[in-house]
Each structure stands twice: as structure tokens, then as C-alpha cells.
Amino acid sequence: MMMSSTLQNIKCFTHKLEISTINLSKSVMNENKYFLYKMLNRENKFQQYGLSQ
């Protein structure tokens, strides 16, 4: 009985950890979204004018 309860807690903890990791990834992506958008636009402008870095 005790063993299954411990196993349940481990599964729950792992699930919470996965959710936290996903949330962290989302927030990091949101913070970088504007920067990436600017960088992509910059790359597109270089390509439009036939310039390369």
C-alpha cells in the first residue's frame, strides 16, 4: 500500500516538473519573440537587397 502511494507521488511530482518546464520554456520564448522577429526582419531585408553578412 505504502509503495503505490510513493509511486503516485513520484508520478505527480514528475508531471508538475514537466508542466513547470513547459511554462518556463513558453516564458523564455515569449521574451525572445520580439528579438527573433527583429532578427528575422533584418535577415529578410538583407536578402531583399541582395546583401549578405
N, C-alpha and C. Protein backbone atom coordinates (compact mmCIF):
# COMPACT_ATOMS: atom_id res chain seq x y z
N MET A 1 0.83 -1.20 0.00
CA MET A 1 0.00 0.00 0.00
C MET A 1 0.87 1.25 0.00
N MET A 2 1.85 1.27 0.90
CA MET A 2 2.75 2.42 1.01
C MET A 2 3.51 2.65 -0.29
N MET A 3 3.92 1.55 -0.92
CA MET A 3 4.72 1.64 -2.15
C MET A 3 3.95 2.33 -3.27
N SER A 4 2.68 1.99 -3.45
CA SER A 4 1.90 2.59 -4.53
C SER A 4 1.66 4.08 -4.27
N SER A 5 1.52 4.45 -3.02
CA SER A 5 1.34 5.86 -2.67
C SER A 5 2.59 6.66 -3.02
N THR A 6 3.74 6.10 -2.71
CA THR A 6 5.01 6.76 -3.03
C THR A 6 5.16 6.89 -4.54
N LEU A 7 4.82 5.83 -5.25
CA LEU A 7 4.90 5.84 -6.70
C LEU A 7 3.98 6.91 -7.28
N GLN A 8 2.79 7.03 -6.71
CA GLN A 8 1.81 8.04 -7.13
C GLN A 8 2.40 9.44 -6.94
N ASN A 9 3.04 9.67 -5.79
CA ASN A 9 3.64 10.97 -5.50
C ASN A 9 4.75 11.30 -6.48
N ILE A 10 5.55 10.29 -6.81
CA ILE A 10 6.65 10.49 -7.77
C ILE A 10 6.08 10.86 -9.14
N LYS A 11 5.03 10.17 -9.56
CA LYS A 11 4.39 10.47 -10.85
C LYS A 11 3.85 11.89 -10.85
N CYS A 12 3.20 12.28 -9.77
CA CYS A 12 2.61 13.61 -9.64
C CYS A 12 3.71 14.67 -9.70
N PHE A 13 4.79 14.44 -8.96
CA PHE A 13 5.91 15.38 -8.93
C PHE A 13 6.53 15.53 -10.32
N THR A 14 6.71 14.40 -11.00
CA THR A 14 7.28 14.41 -12.35
C THR A 14 6.40 15.20 -13.30
N HIS A 15 5.08 15.00 -13.18
CA HIS A 15 4.13 15.72 -14.03
C HIS A 15 4.21 17.22 -13.77
N LYS A 16 4.26 17.61 -12.49
CA LYS A 16 4.37 19.03 -12.14
C LYS A 16 5.66 19.62 -12.67
N LEU A 17 6.72 18.85 -12.61
CA LEU A 17 8.03 19.29 -13.10
C LEU A 17 7.96 19.51 -14.61
N GLU A 18 7.29 18.60 -15.32
CA GLU A 18 7.14 18.75 -16.78
C GLU A 18 6.36 20.01 -17.11
N ILE A 19 5.27 20.26 -16.37
CA ILE A 19 4.46 21.45 -16.60
C ILE A 19 5.28 22.71 -16.33
N SER A 20 6.05 22.71 -15.24
CA SER A 20 6.89 23.86 -14.92
C SER A 20 7.91 24.12 -16.02
N THR A 21 8.49 23.05 -16.53
CA THR A 21 9.49 23.18 -17.60
C THR A 21 8.85 23.76 -18.85
N ILE A 22 7.65 23.29 -19.19
CA ILE A 22 6.93 23.80 -20.36
C ILE A 22 6.60 25.28 -20.17
N ASN A 23 6.12 25.66 -18.98
CA ASN A 23 5.80 27.05 -18.70
C ASN A 23 7.02 27.94 -18.79
N LEU A 24 8.14 27.44 -18.28
CA LEU A 24 9.39 28.19 -18.33
C LEU A 24 9.81 28.38 -19.79
N SER A 25 9.70 27.33 -20.57
CA SER A 25 10.05 27.42 -22.00
C SER A 25 9.19 28.45 -22.70
N LYS A 26 7.89 28.45 -22.39
CA LYS A 26 6.97 29.41 -23.01
C LYS A 26 7.35 30.84 -22.66
N SER A 27 7.67 31.09 -21.39
CA SER A 27 8.01 32.45 -20.99
C SER A 27 9.31 32.90 -21.64
N VAL A 28 10.27 32.00 -21.74
CA VAL A 28 11.54 32.34 -22.40
C VAL A 28 11.28 32.64 -23.88
N MET A 29 10.44 31.83 -24.52
CA MET A 29 10.12 32.06 -25.94
C MET A 29 9.40 33.38 -26.12
N ASN A 30 8.49 33.72 -25.21
CA ASN A 30 7.78 34.99 -25.31
C ASN A 30 8.73 36.17 -25.17
N GLU A 31 9.69 36.07 -24.24
CA GLU A 31 10.65 37.14 -24.05
C GLU A 31 11.52 37.31 -25.27
N ASN A 32 11.84 36.22 -25.94
CA ASN A 32 12.73 36.27 -27.10
C ASN A 32 12.00 36.49 -28.42
N LYS A 33 10.66 36.43 -28.38
CA LYS A 33 9.88 36.52 -29.61
C LYS A 33 10.15 37.82 -30.37
N TYR A 34 10.15 38.94 -29.65
CA TYR A 34 10.37 40.23 -30.29
C TYR A 34 11.77 40.30 -30.90
N PHE A 35 12.76 39.85 -30.12
CA PHE A 35 14.14 39.85 -30.60
C PHE A 35 14.28 39.00 -31.86
N LEU A 36 13.69 37.81 -31.84
CA LEU A 36 13.77 36.92 -33.00
C LEU A 36 13.06 37.53 -34.20
N TYR A 37 11.92 38.17 -33.95
CA TYR A 37 11.15 38.83 -35.00
C TYR A 37 12.01 39.91 -35.67
N LYS A 38 12.68 40.71 -34.85
CA LYS A 38 13.55 41.77 -35.37
C LYS A 38 14.69 41.17 -36.19
N MET A 39 15.29 40.09 -35.67
CA MET A 39 16.41 39.46 -36.38
C MET A 39 15.96 38.90 -37.72
N LEU A 40 14.79 38.27 -37.75
CA LEU A 40 14.27 37.70 -39.00
C LEU A 40 13.99 38.80 -40.01
N ASN A 41 13.40 39.91 -39.55
CA ASN A 41 13.13 41.03 -40.45
C ASN A 41 14.43 41.58 -41.02
N ARG A 42 15.44 41.64 -40.19
CA ARG A 42 16.74 42.14 -40.61
C ARG A 42 17.32 41.23 -41.69
N GLU A 43 17.23 39.91 -41.45
CA GLU A 43 17.72 38.94 -42.44
C GLU A 43 16.97 39.10 -43.76
N ASN A 44 15.65 39.28 -43.68
CA ASN A 44 14.83 39.43 -44.89
C ASN A 44 15.25 40.66 -45.68
N LYS A 45 15.54 41.75 -44.97
CA LYS A 45 15.97 42.98 -45.65
C LYS A 45 17.29 42.76 -46.36
N PHE A 46 18.21 42.04 -45.72
CA PHE A 46 19.49 41.74 -46.36
C PHE A 46 19.26 40.95 -47.64
N GLN A 47 18.35 39.98 -47.57
CA GLN A 47 18.08 39.14 -48.74
C GLN A 47 17.40 39.95 -49.84
N GLN A 48 16.48 40.84 -49.46
CA GLN A 48 15.76 41.66 -50.44
C GLN A 48 16.72 42.51 -51.26
N TYR A 49 17.70 43.08 -50.59
CA TYR A 49 18.63 43.98 -51.27
C TYR A 49 19.87 43.26 -51.80
N GLY A 50 19.86 41.93 -51.69
CA GLY A 50 20.97 41.14 -52.21
C GLY A 50 22.24 41.30 -51.40
N LEU A 51 22.10 41.68 -50.15
CA LEU A 51 23.26 41.84 -49.28
C LEU A 51 23.41 40.59 -48.43
N SER A 52 24.60 40.25 -48.10
CA SER A 52 24.81 39.13 -47.18
C SER A 52 25.83 39.54 -46.14
N GLN A 53 25.70 38.94 -44.98
CA GLN A 53 26.59 39.29 -43.88
C GLN A 53 27.84 38.46 -43.91
